[in-house]
Amino acid sequence: GMPCPIEGSDYGSSTAYYYPSNNYQPYPKIISFAHGNVTEFTFARYRHLKGLVWLPNLNEKGDQR
């Protein structure tokens, strides 16, 4: 975990988690759980990718690989 980007480490050192891009989501994000709320933070350089979802990788027959 990591501190919440807004609250800082005074509130706790593991109130947020970093999630790198993966097979489903093409942009990294930080999710904060401070105060019982779920808040998603994204990075400005990846803003143009927000909302995109990777399509399944299909072979010539249309089956997922």
N, C-alpha and C. Protein backbone atom coordinates (compact mmCIF):
# COMPACT_ATOMS: atom_id res chain seq x y z
N GLY A 1 0.81 -1.19 0.00
CA GLY A 1 0.00 0.00 0.00
C GLY A 1 0.86 1.26 0.00
N MET A 2 0.17 2.35 -0.06
CA MET A 2 0.83 3.66 -0.08
C MET A 2 -0.12 4.67 0.57
N PRO A 3 0.39 5.85 0.94
CA PRO A 3 -0.49 6.87 1.51
C PRO A 3 -1.46 7.42 0.48
N CYS A 4 -2.61 7.88 0.93
CA CYS A 4 -3.58 8.54 0.05
C CYS A 4 -2.93 9.80 -0.53
N PRO A 5 -3.07 10.05 -1.83
CA PRO A 5 -2.48 11.25 -2.44
C PRO A 5 -3.00 12.56 -1.84
N ILE A 6 -4.21 12.56 -1.30
CA ILE A 6 -4.78 13.78 -0.72
C ILE A 6 -4.48 13.88 0.77
N GLU A 7 -4.72 12.82 1.51
CA GLU A 7 -4.56 12.84 2.97
C GLU A 7 -3.10 12.82 3.41
N GLY A 8 -2.26 12.16 2.64
CA GLY A 8 -0.85 12.07 3.01
C GLY A 8 -0.58 10.96 4.02
N SER A 9 0.68 10.83 4.42
CA SER A 9 1.08 9.73 5.29
C SER A 9 0.64 9.94 6.74
N ASP A 10 0.25 11.15 7.13
CA ASP A 10 -0.25 11.36 8.49
C ASP A 10 -1.53 10.58 8.73
N TYR A 11 -2.31 10.35 7.71
CA TYR A 11 -3.57 9.61 7.84
C TYR A 11 -3.34 8.10 7.84
N GLY A 12 -2.25 7.67 7.27
CA GLY A 12 -1.93 6.24 7.23
C GLY A 12 -1.03 5.95 6.04
N SER A 13 -0.19 4.94 6.19
CA SER A 13 0.77 4.65 5.12
C SER A 13 0.27 3.59 4.14
N SER A 14 -0.94 3.07 4.36
CA SER A 14 -1.44 2.04 3.44
C SER A 14 -2.93 2.25 3.14
N THR A 15 -3.34 3.49 2.93
CA THR A 15 -4.75 3.79 2.64
C THR A 15 -5.03 3.85 1.14
N ALA A 16 -4.02 3.62 0.33
CA ALA A 16 -4.21 3.64 -1.13
C ALA A 16 -3.35 2.55 -1.76
N TYR A 17 -3.72 2.17 -2.96
CA TYR A 17 -2.97 1.15 -3.70
C TYR A 17 -2.76 1.61 -5.14
N TYR A 18 -1.59 1.28 -5.67
CA TYR A 18 -1.25 1.58 -7.06
C TYR A 18 -1.57 0.35 -7.90
N TYR A 19 -2.30 0.56 -8.99
CA TYR A 19 -2.63 -0.51 -9.93
C TYR A 19 -2.05 -0.16 -11.29
N PRO A 20 -1.04 -0.90 -11.76
CA PRO A 20 -0.48 -0.62 -13.09
C PRO A 20 -1.47 -1.02 -14.18
N SER A 21 -1.19 -0.60 -15.40
CA SER A 21 -2.03 -1.03 -16.51
C SER A 21 -1.93 -2.56 -16.61
N ASN A 22 -2.97 -3.17 -17.14
CA ASN A 22 -2.99 -4.63 -17.21
C ASN A 22 -3.71 -5.08 -18.48
N ASN A 23 -4.05 -6.34 -18.56
CA ASN A 23 -4.70 -6.87 -19.76
C ASN A 23 -6.10 -6.33 -19.97
N TYR A 24 -6.72 -5.77 -18.93
CA TYR A 24 -8.09 -5.26 -19.04
C TYR A 24 -8.13 -3.74 -19.15
N GLN A 25 -7.24 -3.07 -18.45
CA GLN A 25 -7.28 -1.60 -18.38
C GLN A 25 -5.96 -1.01 -18.88
N PRO A 26 -6.00 -0.13 -19.90
CA PRO A 26 -4.77 0.35 -20.52
C PRO A 26 -4.09 1.52 -19.80
N TYR A 27 -4.55 1.91 -18.62
CA TYR A 27 -3.91 3.02 -17.92
C TYR A 27 -3.74 2.69 -16.44
N PRO A 28 -2.65 3.16 -15.83
CA PRO A 28 -2.44 2.92 -14.40
C PRO A 28 -3.31 3.84 -13.56
N LYS A 29 -3.54 3.46 -12.30
CA LYS A 29 -4.35 4.30 -11.42
C LYS A 29 -3.96 4.05 -9.97
N ILE A 30 -4.37 4.97 -9.11
CA ILE A 30 -4.24 4.83 -7.66
C ILE A 30 -5.65 4.84 -7.09
N ILE A 31 -5.96 3.87 -6.26
CA ILE A 31 -7.26 3.81 -5.60
C ILE A 31 -7.03 4.08 -4.11
N SER A 32 -7.73 5.09 -3.58
CA SER A 32 -7.64 5.44 -2.16
C SER A 32 -8.89 4.95 -1.45
N PHE A 33 -8.67 4.41 -0.25
CA PHE A 33 -9.77 3.94 0.59
C PHE A 33 -9.88 4.78 1.86
N ALA A 34 -9.31 5.99 1.85
CA ALA A 34 -9.32 6.86 3.03
C ALA A 34 -10.75 7.23 3.40
N HIS A 35 -11.02 7.28 4.69
CA HIS A 35 -12.32 7.66 5.25
C HIS A 35 -13.45 6.73 4.79
N GLY A 36 -13.13 5.52 4.35
CA GLY A 36 -14.16 4.58 3.93
C GLY A 36 -14.70 4.84 2.53
N ASN A 37 -14.17 5.83 1.84
CA ASN A 37 -14.60 6.13 0.48
C ASN A 37 -13.61 5.54 -0.51
N VAL A 38 -14.10 5.18 -1.69
CA VAL A 38 -13.23 4.69 -2.75
C VAL A 38 -13.07 5.82 -3.76
N THR A 39 -11.83 6.29 -3.92
CA THR A 39 -11.54 7.39 -4.83
C THR A 39 -10.47 6.94 -5.82
N GLU A 40 -10.72 7.13 -7.10
CA GLU A 40 -9.77 6.74 -8.14
C GLU A 40 -8.99 7.97 -8.60
N PHE A 41 -7.68 7.86 -8.60
CA PHE A 41 -6.80 8.89 -9.12
C PHE A 41 -6.11 8.35 -10.36
N THR A 42 -6.07 9.14 -11.41
CA THR A 42 -5.36 8.75 -12.63
C THR A 42 -4.30 9.80 -12.93
N PHE A 43 -3.45 9.50 -13.87
CA PHE A 43 -2.34 10.36 -14.22
C PHE A 43 -2.67 11.14 -15.49
N ALA A 44 -2.32 12.43 -15.51
CA ALA A 44 -2.65 13.30 -16.64
C ALA A 44 -2.11 12.75 -17.96
N ARG A 45 -0.93 12.17 -17.95
CA ARG A 45 -0.35 11.68 -19.21
C ARG A 45 -1.13 10.53 -19.81
N TYR A 46 -1.97 9.85 -19.02
CA TYR A 46 -2.78 8.73 -19.51
C TYR A 46 -4.25 9.10 -19.65
N ARG A 47 -4.60 10.36 -19.47
CA ARG A 47 -6.00 10.80 -19.49
C ARG A 47 -6.71 10.40 -20.79
N HIS A 48 -6.00 10.45 -21.91
CA HIS A 48 -6.63 10.12 -23.19
C HIS A 48 -7.02 8.64 -23.28
N LEU A 49 -6.49 7.79 -22.40
CA LEU A 49 -6.82 6.37 -22.41
C LEU A 49 -7.97 6.02 -21.48
N LYS A 50 -8.38 6.95 -20.62
CA LYS A 50 -9.43 6.67 -19.63
C LYS A 50 -10.73 6.28 -20.34
N GLY A 51 -11.34 5.24 -19.89
CA GLY A 51 -12.57 4.75 -20.50
C GLY A 51 -12.35 3.67 -21.53
N LEU A 52 -11.12 3.51 -21.99
CA LEU A 52 -10.84 2.45 -22.96
C LEU A 52 -10.69 1.11 -22.24
N VAL A 53 -11.06 0.06 -22.91
CA VAL A 53 -10.89 -1.30 -22.39
C VAL A 53 -10.26 -2.11 -23.51
N TRP A 54 -9.21 -2.86 -23.17
CA TRP A 54 -8.58 -3.71 -24.18
C TRP A 54 -9.58 -4.73 -24.69
N LEU A 55 -9.57 -4.97 -25.98
CA LEU A 55 -10.40 -6.01 -26.58
C LEU A 55 -9.71 -7.35 -26.43
N PRO A 56 -10.45 -8.45 -26.41
CA PRO A 56 -9.81 -9.75 -26.32
C PRO A 56 -8.92 -10.00 -27.53
N ASN A 57 -7.84 -10.70 -27.33
CA ASN A 57 -6.92 -11.04 -28.40
C ASN A 57 -7.48 -12.27 -29.11
N LEU A 58 -7.95 -12.10 -30.33
CA LEU A 58 -8.59 -13.19 -31.07
C LEU A 58 -7.64 -13.76 -32.13
N ASN A 59 -7.73 -15.06 -32.35
CA ASN A 59 -6.95 -15.66 -33.43
C ASN A 59 -7.74 -15.59 -34.73
N GLU A 60 -7.25 -16.22 -35.78
CA GLU A 60 -7.90 -16.13 -37.10
C GLU A 60 -9.32 -16.70 -37.10
N LYS A 61 -9.61 -17.68 -36.24
CA LYS A 61 -10.94 -18.29 -36.17
C LYS A 61 -11.90 -17.49 -35.30
N GLY A 62 -11.40 -16.45 -34.64
CA GLY A 62 -12.25 -15.65 -33.77
C GLY A 62 -12.28 -16.14 -32.33
N ASP A 63 -11.42 -17.13 -32.02
CA ASP A 63 -11.35 -17.64 -30.65
C ASP A 63 -10.35 -16.82 -29.84
N GLN A 64 -10.62 -16.73 -28.55
CA GLN A 64 -9.69 -16.02 -27.68
C GLN A 64 -8.43 -16.84 -27.50
N ARG A 65 -7.29 -16.16 -27.49
CA ARG A 65 -6.01 -16.85 -27.31
C ARG A 65 -5.71 -17.02 -25.85
